[in-house]
Amino acid sequence: MADRVRGKCLWAPAALLLVAACGQQQAQQPGAVSHASTHAAASAAPPPVAAPVPLASLDPCSLLSPQDRSTAGVSVLGKPKDIAGARACDWTVPGTFGVTVTLDEKNGLADLEVAKKTATKTKVGAHPALKVADKKAADGTCAVLLGVGGAASVQIDVSNTGFSDTPLACRRAGTVAGLVEPKLP
């Protein structure tokens, strides 16, 4: 029994020495690359840039994540719909407002029929945009239209319940546009 204990006692320091050596850097030969320097170089490299997703592959209802919906004050799930052949998603918050996001793959900003007196040119993120609201009508509706390339657009339409408070509708449309825009090609 004493021999077994003595054998284990001799083995334990050798194991500790081996484990301790794992954390030590070895002397490098010229031109050799250590794992540590390779890891440091890899972590210093910028992350790869994701290729833009084509508008056709986007699901309009997935453009507002649960966190996005919370930010925009939307407490309901979206319902897919078709608007004049374009894919759309509608979120209706009972007693408050509704928002619709439409992916129009056939009409760019220049192709959309918008009354000049109601449209203001703007930019949302990297995308040219139009904010459309008839201030004289004061009907609680507002839209932000985002240009996606020359021949496509994403339209965010907001209607307040009771059709009042157009400035609030525009703030809501602007918030949703800001949340959707980074996900667009």
C-alpha atoms as a PDB file:
ATOM      1  CA  MET A   1       0.000   0.000   0.000  1.00  0.00           C
ATOM      2  CA  ALA A   2       2.852   2.382   0.824  1.00  0.00           C
ATOM      3  CA  ASP A   3       4.344   1.674  -2.647  1.00  0.00           C
ATOM      4  CA  ARG A   4       1.043   2.659  -4.335  1.00  0.00           C
ATOM      5  CA  VAL A   5       0.842   5.937  -2.412  1.00  0.00           C
ATOM      6  CA  ARG A   6       4.500   6.682  -3.160  1.00  0.00           C
ATOM      7  CA  GLY A   7       3.881   5.905  -6.891  1.00  0.00           C
ATOM      8  CA  LYS A   8       0.920   8.272  -6.997  1.00  0.00           C
ATOM      9  CA  CYS A   9       2.922  10.942  -5.225  1.00  0.00           C
ATOM     10  CA  LEU A  10       5.650  10.715  -7.852  1.00  0.00           C
ATOM     11  CA  TRP A  11       3.140  10.788 -10.697  1.00  0.00           C
ATOM     12  CA  ALA A  12       1.184  13.824  -9.419  1.00  0.00           C
ATOM     13  CA  PRO A  13       4.064  16.345  -9.619  1.00  0.00           C
ATOM     14  CA  ALA A  14       4.885  15.136 -13.141  1.00  0.00           C
ATOM     15  CA  ALA A  15       1.267  15.670 -14.198  1.00  0.00           C
ATOM     16  CA  LEU A  16       1.235  19.157 -12.663  1.00  0.00           C
ATOM     17  CA  LEU A  17       4.447  20.028 -14.470  1.00  0.00           C
ATOM     18  CA  LEU A  18       2.937  18.864 -17.765  1.00  0.00           C
ATOM     19  CA  VAL A  19      -0.276  20.866 -17.210  1.00  0.00           C
ATOM     20  CA  ALA A  20       1.698  23.950 -16.175  1.00  0.00           C
ATOM     21  CA  ALA A  21       3.819  23.681 -19.314  1.00  0.00           C
ATOM     22  CA  CYS A  22       0.711  23.843 -21.505  1.00  0.00           C
ATOM     23  CA  GLY A  23       0.243  27.505 -20.623  1.00  0.00           C
ATOM     24  CA  GLN A  24       3.888  28.420 -21.351  1.00  0.00           C
ATOM     25  CA  GLN A  25       4.911  29.742 -24.759  1.00  0.00           C
ATOM     26  CA  GLN A  26       7.665  27.864 -26.454  1.00  0.00           C
ATOM     27  CA  ALA A  27      10.595  29.602 -28.058  1.00  0.00           C
ATOM     28  CA  GLN A  28       9.760  30.126 -31.682  1.00  0.00           C
ATOM     29  CA  GLN A  29      11.906  29.538 -34.643  1.00  0.00           C
ATOM     30  CA  PRO A  30      12.149  32.395 -37.173  1.00  0.00           C
ATOM     31  CA  GLY A  31       9.140  32.317 -39.475  1.00  0.00           C
ATOM     32  CA  ALA A  32       7.059  30.155 -37.120  1.00  0.00           C
ATOM     33  CA  VAL A  33       3.617  31.357 -36.156  1.00  0.00           C
ATOM     34  CA  SER A  34       2.213  30.628 -32.719  1.00  0.00           C
ATOM     35  CA  HIS A  35      -1.433  29.850 -32.026  1.00  0.00           C
ATOM     36  CA  ALA A  36      -1.641  32.975 -29.868  1.00  0.00           C
ATOM     37  CA  SER A  37      -0.470  35.303 -32.651  1.00  0.00           C
ATOM     38  CA  THR A  38      -2.713  33.570 -35.175  1.00  0.00           C
ATOM     39  CA  HIS A  39      -5.682  33.994 -32.820  1.00  0.00           C
ATOM     40  CA  ALA A  40      -4.816  37.666 -32.206  1.00  0.00           C
ATOM     41  CA  ALA A  41      -4.552  38.323 -35.952  1.00  0.00           C
ATOM     42  CA  ALA A  42      -7.850  36.556 -36.600  1.00  0.00           C
ATOM     43  CA  SER A  43      -9.650  38.512 -33.890  1.00  0.00           C
ATOM     44  CA  ALA A  44      -8.221  41.809 -35.179  1.00  0.00           C
ATOM     45  CA  ALA A  45      -9.581  41.198 -38.689  1.00  0.00           C
ATOM     46  CA  PRO A  46     -12.896  42.921 -39.422  1.00  0.00           C
ATOM     47  CA  PRO A  47     -15.952  40.666 -39.450  1.00  0.00           C
ATOM     48  CA  PRO A  48     -17.068  39.543 -42.890  1.00  0.00           C
ATOM     49  CA  VAL A  49     -19.694  41.755 -44.494  1.00  0.00           C
ATOM     50  CA  ALA A  50     -22.923  39.909 -45.160  1.00  0.00           C
ATOM     51  CA  ALA A  51     -24.109  40.019 -48.735  1.00  0.00           C
ATOM     52  CA  PRO A  52     -27.371  41.956 -49.112  1.00  0.00           C
ATOM     53  CA  VAL A  53     -30.443  39.763 -49.167  1.00  0.00           C
ATOM     54  CA  PRO A  54     -32.578  40.313 -52.289  1.00  0.00           C
ATOM     55  CA  LEU A  55     -35.953  41.931 -51.609  1.00  0.00           C
ATOM     56  CA  ALA A  56     -37.681  38.885 -53.149  1.00  0.00           C
ATOM     57  CA  SER A  57     -36.311  36.614 -50.417  1.00  0.00           C
ATOM     58  CA  LEU A  58     -37.516  38.786 -47.516  1.00  0.00           C
ATOM     59  CA  ASP A  59     -40.681  37.996 -45.583  1.00  0.00           C
ATOM     60  CA  PRO A  60     -42.387  41.300 -44.721  1.00  0.00           C
ATOM     61  CA  CYS A  61     -43.714  39.858 -41.438  1.00  0.00           C
ATOM     62  CA  SER A  62     -40.182  38.966 -40.295  1.00  0.00           C
ATOM     63  CA  LEU A  63     -38.900  42.516 -40.746  1.00  0.00           C
ATOM     64  CA  LEU A  64     -40.090  43.461 -37.255  1.00  0.00           C
ATOM     65  CA  SER A  65     -38.577  41.200 -34.608  1.00  0.00           C
ATOM     66  CA  PRO A  66     -40.247  40.961 -31.182  1.00  0.00           C
ATOM     67  CA  GLN A  67     -37.785  43.585 -29.901  1.00  0.00           C
ATOM     68  CA  ASP A  68     -38.524  45.840 -32.910  1.00  0.00           C
ATOM     69  CA  ARG A  69     -42.254  45.500 -32.317  1.00  0.00           C
ATOM     70  CA  SER A  70     -41.764  46.491 -28.684  1.00  0.00           C
ATOM     71  CA  THR A  71     -39.734  49.541 -29.732  1.00  0.00           C
ATOM     72  CA  ALA A  72     -42.471  50.553 -32.194  1.00  0.00           C
ATOM     73  CA  GLY A  73     -45.297  50.007 -29.692  1.00  0.00           C
ATOM     74  CA  VAL A  74     -46.691  47.041 -31.622  1.00  0.00           C
ATOM     75  CA  SER A  75     -48.006  44.348 -29.290  1.00  0.00           C
ATOM     76  CA  VAL A  76     -49.455  41.967 -31.902  1.00  0.00           C
ATOM     77  CA  LEU A  77     -48.120  39.576 -34.520  1.00  0.00           C
ATOM     78  CA  GLY A  78     -48.266  40.615 -38.152  1.00  0.00           C
ATOM     79  CA  LYS A  79     -50.637  39.083 -40.690  1.00  0.00           C
ATOM     80  CA  PRO A  80     -49.441  38.484 -44.255  1.00  0.00           C
ATOM     81  CA  LYS A  81     -51.459  40.104 -47.016  1.00  0.00           C
ATOM     82  CA  ASP A  82     -51.283  40.992 -50.681  1.00  0.00           C
ATOM     83  CA  ILE A  83     -51.600  44.607 -51.777  1.00  0.00           C
ATOM     84  CA  ALA A  84     -51.988  45.012 -55.547  1.00  0.00           C
ATOM     85  CA  GLY A  85     -49.710  42.030 -56.170  1.00  0.00           C
ATOM     86  CA  ALA A  86     -47.069  43.102 -53.639  1.00  0.00           C
ATOM     87  CA  ARG A  87     -46.272  41.099 -50.497  1.00  0.00           C
ATOM     88  CA  ALA A  88     -47.171  42.904 -47.291  1.00  0.00           C
ATOM     89  CA  CYS A  89     -47.630  42.411 -43.562  1.00  0.00           C
ATOM     90  CA  ASP A  90     -50.173  44.177 -41.386  1.00  0.00           C
ATOM     91  CA  TRP A  91     -49.954  44.750 -37.640  1.00  0.00           C
ATOM     92  CA  THR A  92     -53.117  46.180 -36.066  1.00  0.00           C
ATOM     93  CA  VAL A  93     -52.926  47.245 -32.442  1.00  0.00           C
ATOM     94  CA  PRO A  94     -56.601  47.376 -31.348  1.00  0.00           C
ATOM     95  CA  GLY A  95     -57.749  50.821 -30.296  1.00  0.00           C
ATOM     96  CA  THR A  96     -54.391  52.447 -31.124  1.00  0.00           C
ATOM     97  CA  PHE A  97     -52.985  52.195 -34.659  1.00  0.00           C
ATOM     98  CA  GLY A  98     -52.068  49.913 -37.516  1.00  0.00           C
ATOM     99  CA  VAL A  99     -48.900  49.616 -39.569  1.00  0.00           C
ATOM    100  CA  THR A 100     -48.428  47.880 -42.895  1.00  0.00           C
ATOM    101  CA  VAL A 101     -45.056  47.089 -44.464  1.00  0.00           C
ATOM    102  CA  THR A 102     -45.239  46.409 -48.207  1.00  0.00           C
ATOM    103  CA  LEU A 103     -42.400  45.013 -50.330  1.00  0.00           C
ATOM    104  CA  ASP A 104     -42.940  46.315 -53.872  1.00  0.00           C
ATOM    105  CA  GLU A 105     -40.497  44.628 -56.249  1.00  0.00           C
ATOM    106  CA  LYS A 106     -41.852  46.400 -59.356  1.00  0.00           C
ATOM    107  CA  ASN A 107     -42.031  50.077 -58.381  1.00  0.00           C
ATOM    108  CA  GLY A 108     -39.171  52.266 -57.242  1.00  0.00           C
ATOM    109  CA  LEU A 109     -39.695  55.646 -55.564  1.00  0.00           C
ATOM    110  CA  ALA A 110     -39.962  57.437 -58.920  1.00  0.00           C
ATOM    111  CA  ASP A 111     -42.687  55.007 -60.060  1.00  0.00           C
ATOM    112  CA  LEU A 112     -44.981  55.501 -57.064  1.00  0.00           C
ATOM    113  CA  GLU A 113     -47.970  57.800 -57.506  1.00  0.00           C
ATOM    114  CA  VAL A 114     -47.574  60.339 -54.732  1.00  0.00           C
ATOM    115  CA  ALA A 115     -49.117  63.828 -54.601  1.00  0.00           C
ATOM    116  CA  LYS A 116     -46.151  66.221 -54.692  1.00  0.00           C
ATOM    117  CA  LYS A 117     -47.689  68.513 -52.067  1.00  0.00           C
ATOM    118  CA  THR A 118     -47.840  65.674 -49.523  1.00  0.00           C
ATOM    119  CA  ALA A 119     -44.325  64.213 -50.069  1.00  0.00           C
ATOM    120  CA  THR A 120     -41.070  65.280 -48.444  1.00  0.00           C
ATOM    121  CA  LYS A 121     -37.749  63.861 -49.650  1.00  0.00           C
ATOM    122  CA  THR A 122     -35.658  62.391 -46.866  1.00  0.00           C
ATOM    123  CA  LYS A 123     -33.239  59.570 -46.177  1.00  0.00           C
ATOM    124  CA  VAL A 124     -33.571  56.620 -43.800  1.00  0.00           C
ATOM    125  CA  GLY A 125     -30.199  55.023 -43.111  1.00  0.00           C
ATOM    126  CA  ALA A 126     -28.588  54.414 -46.496  1.00  0.00           C
ATOM    127  CA  HIS A 127     -31.882  54.467 -48.438  1.00  0.00           C
ATOM    128  CA  PRO A 128     -33.511  57.447 -50.151  1.00  0.00           C
ATOM    129  CA  ALA A 129     -37.036  57.946 -48.878  1.00  0.00           C
ATOM    130  CA  LEU A 130     -40.213  59.962 -49.092  1.00  0.00           C
ATOM    131  CA  LYS A 131     -42.331  60.881 -46.095  1.00  0.00           C
ATOM    132  CA  VAL A 132     -45.937  61.223 -47.222  1.00  0.00           C
ATOM    133  CA  ALA A 133     -48.574  62.940 -45.079  1.00  0.00           C
ATOM    134  CA  ASP A 134     -51.403  65.304 -45.915  1.00  0.00           C
ATOM    135  CA  LYS A 135     -51.082  67.840 -43.124  1.00  0.00           C
ATOM    136  CA  LYS A 136     -54.172  69.738 -44.264  1.00  0.00           C
ATOM    137  CA  ALA A 137     -56.337  66.616 -44.136  1.00  0.00           C
ATOM    138  CA  ALA A 138     -55.006  65.819 -40.634  1.00  0.00           C
ATOM    139  CA  ASP A 139     -56.340  62.297 -41.053  1.00  0.00           C
ATOM    140  CA  GLY A 140     -53.910  60.449 -38.749  1.00  0.00           C
ATOM    141  CA  THR A 141     -52.142  58.682 -41.597  1.00  0.00           C
ATOM    142  CA  CYS A 142     -48.528  58.817 -42.697  1.00  0.00           C
ATOM    143  CA  ALA A 143     -46.226  56.751 -44.896  1.00  0.00           C
ATOM    144  CA  VAL A 144     -42.481  56.411 -45.273  1.00  0.00           C
ATOM    145  CA  LEU A 145     -41.502  55.034 -48.668  1.00  0.00           C
ATOM    146  CA  LEU A 146     -37.971  53.621 -48.984  1.00  0.00           C
ATOM    147  CA  GLY A 147     -36.219  53.267 -52.324  1.00  0.00           C
ATOM    148  CA  VAL A 148     -34.492  49.907 -52.772  1.00  0.00           C
ATOM    149  CA  GLY A 149     -32.451  50.195 -55.947  1.00  0.00           C
ATOM    150  CA  GLY A 150     -34.101  51.887 -58.906  1.00  0.00           C
ATOM    151  CA  ALA A 151     -36.965  49.468 -59.422  1.00  0.00           C
ATOM    152  CA  ALA A 152     -38.179  48.467 -55.949  1.00  0.00           C
ATOM    153  CA  SER A 153     -39.480  50.055 -52.772  1.00  0.00           C
ATOM    154  CA  VAL A 154     -40.584  49.263 -49.251  1.00  0.00           C
ATOM    155  CA  GLN A 155     -43.608  51.160 -48.023  1.00  0.00           C
ATOM    156  CA  ILE A 156     -44.432  51.692 -44.371  1.00  0.00           C
ATOM    157  CA  ASP A 157     -47.981  52.963 -43.848  1.00  0.00           C
ATOM    158  CA  VAL A 158     -49.401  53.978 -40.460  1.00  0.00           C
ATOM    159  CA  SER A 159     -53.023  54.807 -39.644  1.00  0.00           C
ATOM    160  CA  ASN A 160     -54.005  55.947 -36.176  1.00  0.00           C
ATOM    161  CA  THR A 161     -57.310  54.729 -34.763  1.00  0.00           C
ATOM    162  CA  GLY A 162     -59.791  57.596 -34.944  1.00  0.00           C
ATOM    163  CA  PHE A 163     -57.867  59.033 -37.932  1.00  0.00           C
ATOM    164  CA  SER A 164     -56.336  61.870 -35.920  1.00  0.00           C
ATOM    165  CA  ASP A 165     -52.876  63.109 -34.923  1.00  0.00           C
ATOM    166  CA  THR A 166     -50.949  62.961 -38.195  1.00  0.00           C
ATOM    167  CA  PRO A 167     -47.649  63.976 -36.513  1.00  0.00           C
ATOM    168  CA  LEU A 168     -47.927  60.910 -34.227  1.00  0.00           C
ATOM    169  CA  ALA A 169     -48.603  58.695 -37.257  1.00  0.00           C
ATOM    170  CA  CYS A 170     -45.455  60.105 -38.907  1.00  0.00           C
ATOM    171  CA  ARG A 171     -43.354  59.465 -35.796  1.00  0.00           C
ATOM    172  CA  ARG A 172     -44.603  55.889 -35.728  1.00  0.00           C
ATOM    173  CA  ALA A 173     -43.928  55.408 -39.464  1.00  0.00           C
ATOM    174  CA  GLY A 174     -40.434  56.865 -39.014  1.00  0.00           C
ATOM    175  CA  THR A 175     -39.707  54.519 -36.109  1.00  0.00           C
ATOM    176  CA  VAL A 176     -40.791  51.443 -38.086  1.00  0.00           C
ATOM    177  CA  ALA A 177     -38.846  52.616 -41.161  1.00  0.00           C
ATOM    178  CA  GLY A 178     -35.716  52.985 -39.017  1.00  0.00           C
ATOM    179  CA  LEU A 179     -36.151  49.434 -37.699  1.00  0.00           C
ATOM    180  CA  VAL A 180     -36.824  47.893 -41.134  1.00  0.00           C
ATOM    181  CA  GLU A 181     -34.205  49.797 -43.170  1.00  0.00           C
ATOM    182  CA  PRO A 182     -31.045  47.988 -41.945  1.00  0.00           C
ATOM    183  CA  LYS A 183     -32.545  44.668 -43.074  1.00  0.00           C
ATOM    184  CA  LEU A 184     -33.043  45.829 -46.677  1.00  0.00           C
ATOM    185  CA  PRO A 185     -30.692  45.257 -49.633  1.00  0.00           C
END
